[in-house]
Amino acid sequence: MTTKILFASNKLGDITNEQLQQMLNQHNLGELISAIKTDNGAMGQTMFVHSSKGEFVLKGNPLFPGQFEEEQFFVNNISKCIDVTVPTPYFIGTTNSLFGWSYAIMPRLKGKHLNDIEVADKLMSEDKKQIAESMANTLMQFHSWRVDVCGEFDPNTNSLKEFEEGYTRWLYDRIIYWVEDARKYSEITLDDMKWVENVLQQALNAFDQFNTPTFVMGDFKPGNFLIHDVEGDWKISGVFDFTNAYFGDPLADLIKIITMYIDYDELDEAKHFLKIYIAKTDKKEGIIQRLKVHMLMQRTLDWGCAKAIGAVTWDMNMSFSVWAEHYLKTLEDIIRGIE
């Protein structure tokens, strides 16, 4: 399901006002005022819809069967047991006849993106630390949802499906798969492969001892949450897009934020983010090793994607292992700096 779908794009195509009004009628959401496709929506799947009853987000043309049912499951459960604002109620269309594909519609959350110019330009150092703290606290809220086994939600059975060969094998196989995939678009040498295998081997014991699976959003990044300023205090006002969610090691959710901080050379903010999160973590054993493997996973995906679409922003002559090692080493230095 979601853990197997990483690179895909189903666009909405042309949508008429008549179709949108029919959709609003089906869910008693008022009269259409305006609609516009989002600039940074989930792979071209989203549109803002403004009606007489409020502002909504239309998400359509799913990447895989059951995408919206799966996301609805996570949204509904989070809204009931976790203190994080998510887009609920999350309605799913009962038929494909209206647009030619299935869809979901949900309330548009309030707030601004962290990378919006009008926000980014006025953030001071203290503001950035407030946001880092809010991100850490939001993730701790998410990770308070604990389950018995690592796996993913299966919309066909409406239940949690355990990873057949265990979490460690699932994660390690996934990394090797995407390293092999990256070899189609770039040079991955034997030395690179040995380096990857060494990183995985060094963390094997830490993962074998991991036994507290939690909800993992799978795509926690600035594009998927909104922030607002409440009397000088910056906080996350809402989180959305749970297409990549599953149950496993919660540390995986920290990686995209840490990567952002490293790329922007905001290491003090990275330390603050990790310090807040780790201080509230029950079990601290093996954190560095596990985080390094999750960073390796993300670096593998980012390397392969950049090479495939010609969007490389680093030295073209740099090997994969040298490039990725920089992030793993910086991550380790950040953690050592707060211990």
Protein backbone atom coordinates (compact mmCIF):
# COMPACT_ATOMS: atom_id res chain seq x y z
CA MET A 1 0.00 0.00 0.00
CA THR A 2 1.37 3.43 0.89
CA THR A 3 4.75 2.09 1.95
CA LYS A 4 5.27 0.71 -1.56
CA ILE A 5 4.19 3.86 -3.44
CA LEU A 6 6.77 6.61 -3.36
CA PHE A 7 7.09 8.20 -6.78
CA ALA A 8 3.87 8.66 -8.73
CA SER A 9 1.64 11.43 -10.01
CA ASN A 10 -2.04 11.33 -10.85
CA LYS A 11 -3.23 14.77 -11.90
CA LEU A 12 -6.78 16.04 -11.46
CA GLY A 13 -7.19 17.11 -15.06
CA ASP A 14 -9.93 19.52 -16.11
CA ILE A 15 -12.78 20.01 -13.62
CA THR A 16 -15.88 22.10 -14.26
CA ASN A 17 -17.78 24.28 -11.79
CA GLU A 18 -20.84 22.10 -12.41
CA GLN A 19 -18.94 19.02 -11.23
CA LEU A 20 -17.71 20.83 -8.15
CA GLN A 21 -21.22 22.01 -7.27
CA GLN A 22 -22.55 18.48 -7.62
CA MET A 23 -19.83 17.31 -5.25
CA LEU A 24 -20.70 20.02 -2.74
CA ASN A 25 -24.37 19.07 -2.98
CA GLN A 26 -23.59 15.43 -2.21
CA HIS A 27 -21.94 16.41 1.07
CA ASN A 28 -24.17 19.38 1.95
CA LEU A 29 -21.24 21.78 1.75
CA GLY A 30 -22.98 24.84 0.33
CA GLU A 31 -22.81 26.85 -2.89
CA LEU A 32 -19.58 27.07 -4.88
CA ILE A 33 -17.83 30.46 -4.74
CA SER A 34 -14.43 29.68 -6.27
CA ALA A 35 -11.90 26.90 -6.84
CA ILE A 36 -8.21 26.78 -7.71
CA LYS A 37 -5.67 24.00 -7.97
CA THR A 38 -3.02 24.15 -5.26
CA ASP A 39 0.53 25.20 -6.06
CA ASN A 40 2.20 22.60 -3.86
CA GLY A 41 -0.48 19.96 -3.54
CA ALA A 42 0.11 16.26 -3.09
CA MET A 43 1.47 15.30 -6.52
CA GLY A 44 -1.10 17.38 -8.39
CA GLN A 45 -3.99 15.72 -6.61
CA THR A 46 -5.43 18.71 -4.74
CA MET A 47 -7.62 21.76 -5.26
CA PHE A 48 -8.86 24.48 -2.92
CA VAL A 49 -12.64 24.83 -3.01
CA HIS A 50 -14.39 27.84 -1.43
CA SER A 51 -18.12 27.56 -0.82
CA SER A 52 -20.79 29.37 1.15
CA LYS A 53 -20.10 26.96 4.04
CA GLY A 54 -16.35 27.37 4.22
CA GLU A 55 -13.05 26.46 2.61
CA PHE A 56 -12.22 22.88 1.64
CA VAL A 57 -9.57 20.77 -0.05
CA LEU A 58 -10.53 18.39 -2.84
CA LYS A 59 -8.15 15.46 -3.25
CA GLY A 60 -8.73 13.21 -6.23
CA ASN A 61 -7.46 10.62 -8.69
CA PRO A 62 -5.79 8.35 -6.09
CA LEU A 63 -2.28 6.99 -6.54
CA PHE A 64 -3.44 3.50 -5.59
CA PRO A 65 -6.74 1.79 -4.71
CA GLY A 66 -7.67 2.51 -1.12
CA GLN A 67 -5.51 5.64 -0.74
CA PHE A 68 -8.35 7.80 0.57
CA GLU A 69 -9.81 5.04 2.76
CA GLU A 70 -6.40 4.61 4.33
CA GLU A 71 -5.93 8.33 4.89
CA GLN A 72 -9.44 8.60 6.33
CA PHE A 73 -8.58 5.85 8.82
CA PHE A 74 -5.56 7.78 10.09
CA VAL A 75 -7.34 11.14 10.18
CA ASN A 76 -10.31 9.73 12.09
CA ASN A 77 -8.15 7.99 14.68
CA ILE A 78 -5.82 10.94 15.19
CA SER A 79 -8.75 13.30 15.70
CA LYS A 80 -10.14 11.03 18.42
CA CYS A 81 -7.04 10.23 20.46
CA ILE A 82 -4.26 12.72 19.65
CA ASP A 83 -4.08 16.45 20.34
CA VAL A 84 -3.10 17.46 16.79
CA THR A 85 -5.41 19.29 14.37
CA VAL A 86 -6.06 17.29 11.21
CA PRO A 87 -8.55 17.77 8.34
CA THR A 88 -11.75 16.28 9.70
CA PRO A 89 -14.48 15.47 8.79
CA TYR A 90 -12.83 13.63 5.90
CA PHE A 91 -15.50 12.77 3.32
CA ILE A 92 -14.98 10.21 0.55
CA GLY A 93 -17.13 10.27 -2.59
CA THR A 94 -19.39 7.26 -2.89
CA THR A 95 -19.04 6.97 -6.67
CA ASN A 96 -16.46 7.55 -9.42
CA SER A 97 -19.05 8.77 -11.91
CA LEU A 98 -18.75 12.46 -11.05
CA PHE A 99 -15.10 13.03 -12.00
CA GLY A 100 -14.13 9.68 -13.47
CA TRP A 101 -12.07 8.88 -10.39
CA SER A 102 -12.65 8.65 -6.66
CA TYR A 103 -12.09 11.65 -4.42
CA ALA A 104 -12.02 12.94 -0.86
CA ILE A 105 -12.98 16.37 0.43
CA MET A 106 -11.99 17.82 3.78
CA PRO A 107 -11.80 21.19 5.57
CA ARG A 108 -8.92 23.48 4.64
CA LEU A 109 -6.78 23.99 7.73
CA LYS A 110 -5.80 27.44 8.97
CA GLY A 111 -2.25 28.75 8.97
CA LYS A 112 0.76 29.34 6.75
CA HIS A 113 3.50 27.12 5.42
CA LEU A 114 6.88 27.47 7.07
CA ASN A 115 8.50 28.24 3.72
CA ASP A 116 5.98 30.94 2.74
CA ILE A 117 7.94 34.11 2.00
CA GLU A 118 5.74 36.25 4.24
CA VAL A 119 6.49 33.86 7.12
CA ALA A 120 10.13 32.97 6.47
CA ASP A 121 11.24 36.57 6.05
CA LYS A 122 10.11 37.64 9.51
CA LEU A 123 11.24 34.65 11.57
CA MET A 124 13.92 35.46 14.12
CA SER A 125 16.14 32.93 15.89
CA GLU A 126 13.74 32.62 18.83
CA ASP A 127 10.81 32.12 16.45
CA LYS A 128 12.62 29.28 14.70
CA LYS A 129 13.29 27.59 18.03
CA GLN A 130 9.60 27.89 18.95
CA ILE A 131 8.69 26.19 15.67
CA ALA A 132 11.31 23.49 16.25
CA GLU A 133 9.81 22.84 19.67
CA SER A 134 6.28 22.72 18.24
CA MET A 135 7.40 20.23 15.60
CA ALA A 136 9.00 18.01 18.23
CA ASN A 137 5.90 18.15 20.44
CA THR A 138 3.62 17.40 17.49
CA LEU A 139 5.65 14.33 16.61
CA MET A 140 5.59 13.18 20.23
CA GLN A 141 1.80 13.44 20.08
CA PHE A 142 1.72 11.34 16.91
CA HIS A 143 4.06 8.78 18.40
CA SER A 144 1.93 8.39 21.51
CA TRP A 145 -0.33 6.22 19.31
CA ARG A 146 1.25 2.84 19.98
CA VAL A 147 0.39 -0.54 18.52
CA ASP A 148 1.52 -4.12 19.07
CA VAL A 149 3.20 -4.82 15.72
CA CYS A 150 4.91 -2.97 12.89
CA GLY A 151 2.87 -2.84 9.71
CA GLU A 152 0.50 -0.85 7.57
CA PHE A 153 -3.24 -0.33 7.36
CA ASP A 154 -4.94 -2.56 4.81
CA PRO A 155 -8.10 -0.87 3.46
CA ASN A 156 -9.28 -4.18 2.01
CA THR A 157 -9.60 -5.73 5.47
CA ASN A 158 -9.88 -2.48 7.44
CA SER A 159 -7.14 -3.72 9.76
CA LEU A 160 -3.43 -3.48 10.51
CA LYS A 161 -1.31 -5.80 8.37
CA GLU A 162 1.97 -6.80 9.98
CA PHE A 163 5.18 -6.71 7.92
CA GLU A 164 5.61 -10.37 7.06
CA GLU A 165 9.35 -10.69 7.67
CA GLY A 166 9.51 -8.19 10.52
CA TYR A 167 10.26 -4.49 10.66
CA THR A 168 14.06 -4.67 10.36
CA ARG A 169 13.95 -6.88 7.27
CA TRP A 170 11.24 -4.72 5.71
CA LEU A 171 13.24 -1.51 6.27
CA TYR A 172 16.59 -2.93 5.17
CA ASP A 173 15.11 -4.53 2.03
CA ARG A 174 13.47 -1.22 1.20
CA ILE A 175 16.79 0.63 1.41
CA ILE A 176 18.60 -1.91 -0.76
CA TYR A 177 15.76 -1.81 -3.29
CA TRP A 178 16.05 1.96 -3.69
CA VAL A 179 19.85 1.84 -3.82
CA GLU A 180 19.54 -0.64 -6.67
CA ASP A 181 16.92 1.58 -8.30
CA ALA A 182 19.27 4.58 -8.07
CA ARG A 183 21.88 2.60 -10.02
CA LYS A 184 19.62 2.93 -13.08
CA TYR A 185 20.15 6.69 -13.09
CA SER A 186 23.57 7.18 -11.50
CA GLU A 187 26.85 5.53 -10.67
CA ILE A 188 26.66 3.50 -7.48
CA THR A 189 30.02 1.79 -7.01
CA LEU A 190 30.98 -1.37 -5.16
CA ASP A 191 32.53 0.83 -2.48
CA ASP A 192 29.20 2.66 -2.14
CA MET A 193 27.38 -0.63 -1.68
CA LYS A 194 29.87 -1.79 0.94
CA TRP A 195 29.39 1.49 2.80
CA VAL A 196 25.60 1.04 2.78
CA GLU A 197 25.90 -2.52 4.05
CA ASN A 198 28.24 -1.35 6.83
CA VAL A 199 25.77 1.33 8.00
CA LEU A 200 23.01 -1.26 8.10
CA GLN A 201 25.13 -3.84 9.89
CA GLN A 202 26.21 -1.39 12.59
CA ALA A 203 22.55 -0.62 13.39
CA LEU A 204 21.28 -4.19 13.25
CA ASN A 205 21.37 -4.76 17.00
CA ALA A 206 19.57 -1.45 17.69
CA PHE A 207 16.72 -2.43 15.38
CA ASP A 208 16.57 -5.99 16.67
CA GLN A 209 15.97 -4.54 20.16
CA PHE A 210 13.29 -2.12 18.93
CA ASN A 211 9.89 -3.33 20.18
CA THR A 212 7.71 -0.24 20.63
CA PRO A 213 6.04 0.43 17.26
CA THR A 214 4.03 3.63 16.94
CA PHE A 215 2.15 5.58 14.32
CA VAL A 216 4.59 7.03 11.78
CA MET A 217 3.33 9.83 9.53
CA GLY A 218 5.95 8.93 6.95
CA ASP A 219 6.13 12.39 5.38
CA PHE A 220 6.47 14.96 8.15
CA LYS A 221 7.87 18.04 6.40
CA PRO A 222 7.06 21.77 6.10
CA GLY A 223 4.86 21.17 3.07
CA ASN A 224 2.52 18.99 5.12
CA PHE A 225 1.87 21.18 8.13
CA LEU A 226 0.82 24.78 8.80
CA ILE A 227 1.97 27.20 11.47
CA HIS A 228 0.52 30.32 13.07
CA ASP A 229 1.62 33.04 15.46
CA VAL A 230 -0.43 33.21 18.66
CA GLU A 231 0.56 36.31 20.60
CA GLY A 232 4.19 35.99 19.62
CA ASP A 233 4.33 32.21 20.08
CA TRP A 234 4.72 30.15 16.90
CA LYS A 235 2.98 26.77 16.84
CA ILE A 236 1.82 24.15 14.36
CA SER A 237 -1.84 24.82 13.58
CA GLY A 238 -2.58 21.69 11.56
CA VAL A 239 -1.10 18.63 9.83
CA PHE A 240 -2.34 16.92 6.69
CA ASP A 241 -1.49 14.30 4.03
CA PHE A 242 -1.22 10.87 5.63
CA THR A 243 -0.74 8.94 2.38
CA ASN A 244 2.61 7.54 3.58
CA ALA A 245 1.61 6.66 7.15
CA TYR A 246 2.32 3.29 8.74
CA PHE A 247 3.32 1.76 12.08
CA GLY A 248 6.99 1.32 12.93
CA ASP A 249 9.97 3.21 14.35
CA PRO A 250 8.88 6.77 15.24
CA LEU A 251 12.40 8.11 14.66
CA ALA A 252 11.77 7.87 10.91
CA ASP A 253 9.51 10.93 11.20
CA LEU A 254 12.39 13.16 12.35
CA ILE A 255 14.54 12.78 9.26
CA LYS A 256 13.03 15.27 6.81
CA ILE A 257 13.14 18.03 9.41
CA ILE A 258 16.75 17.25 10.34
CA THR A 259 17.67 17.18 6.65
CA MET A 260 16.06 20.60 6.18
CA TYR A 261 18.09 22.02 9.05
CA ILE A 262 21.34 20.54 7.70
CA ASP A 263 20.68 21.88 4.21
CA TYR A 264 20.01 25.38 5.58
CA ASP A 265 22.95 25.16 8.01
CA GLU A 266 20.60 25.72 10.95
CA LEU A 267 22.31 23.33 13.30
CA ASP A 268 21.30 25.16 16.48
CA GLU A 269 17.65 24.72 15.52
CA ALA A 270 18.34 21.06 14.71
CA LYS A 271 19.86 20.55 18.16
CA HIS A 272 16.87 22.22 19.81
CA PHE A 273 14.43 20.08 17.81
CA LEU A 274 16.20 16.85 18.72
CA LYS A 275 16.81 17.87 22.32
CA ILE A 276 13.09 18.48 22.91
CA TYR A 277 12.10 15.23 21.21
CA ILE A 278 14.72 12.96 22.78
CA ALA A 279 14.09 14.36 26.26
CA LYS A 280 10.52 13.04 26.03
CA THR A 281 11.48 9.65 24.59
CA ASP A 282 11.10 6.67 26.91
CA LYS A 283 13.77 4.45 25.39
CA LYS A 284 16.94 6.20 24.26
CA GLU A 285 19.00 3.10 23.44
CA GLY A 286 20.16 2.83 19.84
CA ILE A 287 18.80 6.25 18.81
CA ILE A 288 21.89 7.30 16.85
CA GLN A 289 22.14 4.02 14.94
CA ARG A 290 18.45 3.96 14.07
CA LEU A 291 18.41 7.61 13.01
CA LYS A 292 21.42 7.03 10.75
CA VAL A 293 19.63 4.21 8.96
CA HIS A 294 16.51 6.32 8.48
CA MET A 295 18.71 9.14 7.17
CA LEU A 296 20.33 6.67 4.78
CA MET A 297 16.87 5.69 3.55
CA GLN A 298 15.92 9.30 2.83
CA ARG A 299 19.28 10.14 1.25
CA THR A 300 18.90 7.13 -1.05
CA LEU A 301 15.49 8.31 -2.22
CA ASP A 302 16.66 11.90 -2.68
CA TRP A 303 19.79 10.87 -4.59
CA GLY A 304 17.88 8.56 -6.94
CA CYS A 305 15.13 11.11 -7.56
CA ALA A 306 17.55 13.99 -8.23
CA LYS A 307 19.65 11.89 -10.58
CA ALA A 308 16.59 10.56 -12.43
CA ILE A 309 15.08 13.98 -13.17
CA GLY A 310 18.33 15.90 -13.58
CA ALA A 311 17.87 18.05 -10.48
CA VAL A 312 21.26 17.51 -8.83
CA THR A 313 22.29 20.49 -6.68
CA TRP A 314 25.62 19.14 -5.42
CA ASP A 315 29.01 18.32 -6.95
CA MET A 316 28.33 15.92 -9.82
CA ASN A 317 31.65 14.16 -9.17
CA MET A 318 30.80 13.33 -5.57
CA SER A 319 30.15 9.65 -4.89
CA PHE A 320 26.92 8.51 -3.29
CA SER A 321 28.62 7.30 -0.10
CA VAL A 322 30.60 10.54 0.37
CA TRP A 323 27.49 12.64 -0.23
CA ALA A 324 25.28 10.61 2.11
CA GLU A 325 27.98 10.22 4.77
CA HIS A 326 28.03 14.00 5.25
CA TYR A 327 24.41 13.90 6.44
CA LEU A 328 24.93 10.87 8.67
CA LYS A 329 28.04 12.40 10.25
CA THR A 330 26.35 15.78 10.77
CA LEU A 331 23.34 14.04 12.32
CA GLU A 332 25.62 12.15 14.72
CA ASP A 333 27.46 15.37 15.64
CA ILE A 334 24.15 17.11 16.39
CA ILE A 335 23.04 14.32 18.72
CA ARG A 336 26.44 14.14 20.43
CA GLY A 337 26.17 17.87 20.96
CA ILE A 338 23.03 17.58 23.05
CA GLU A 339 23.99 14.56 25.13
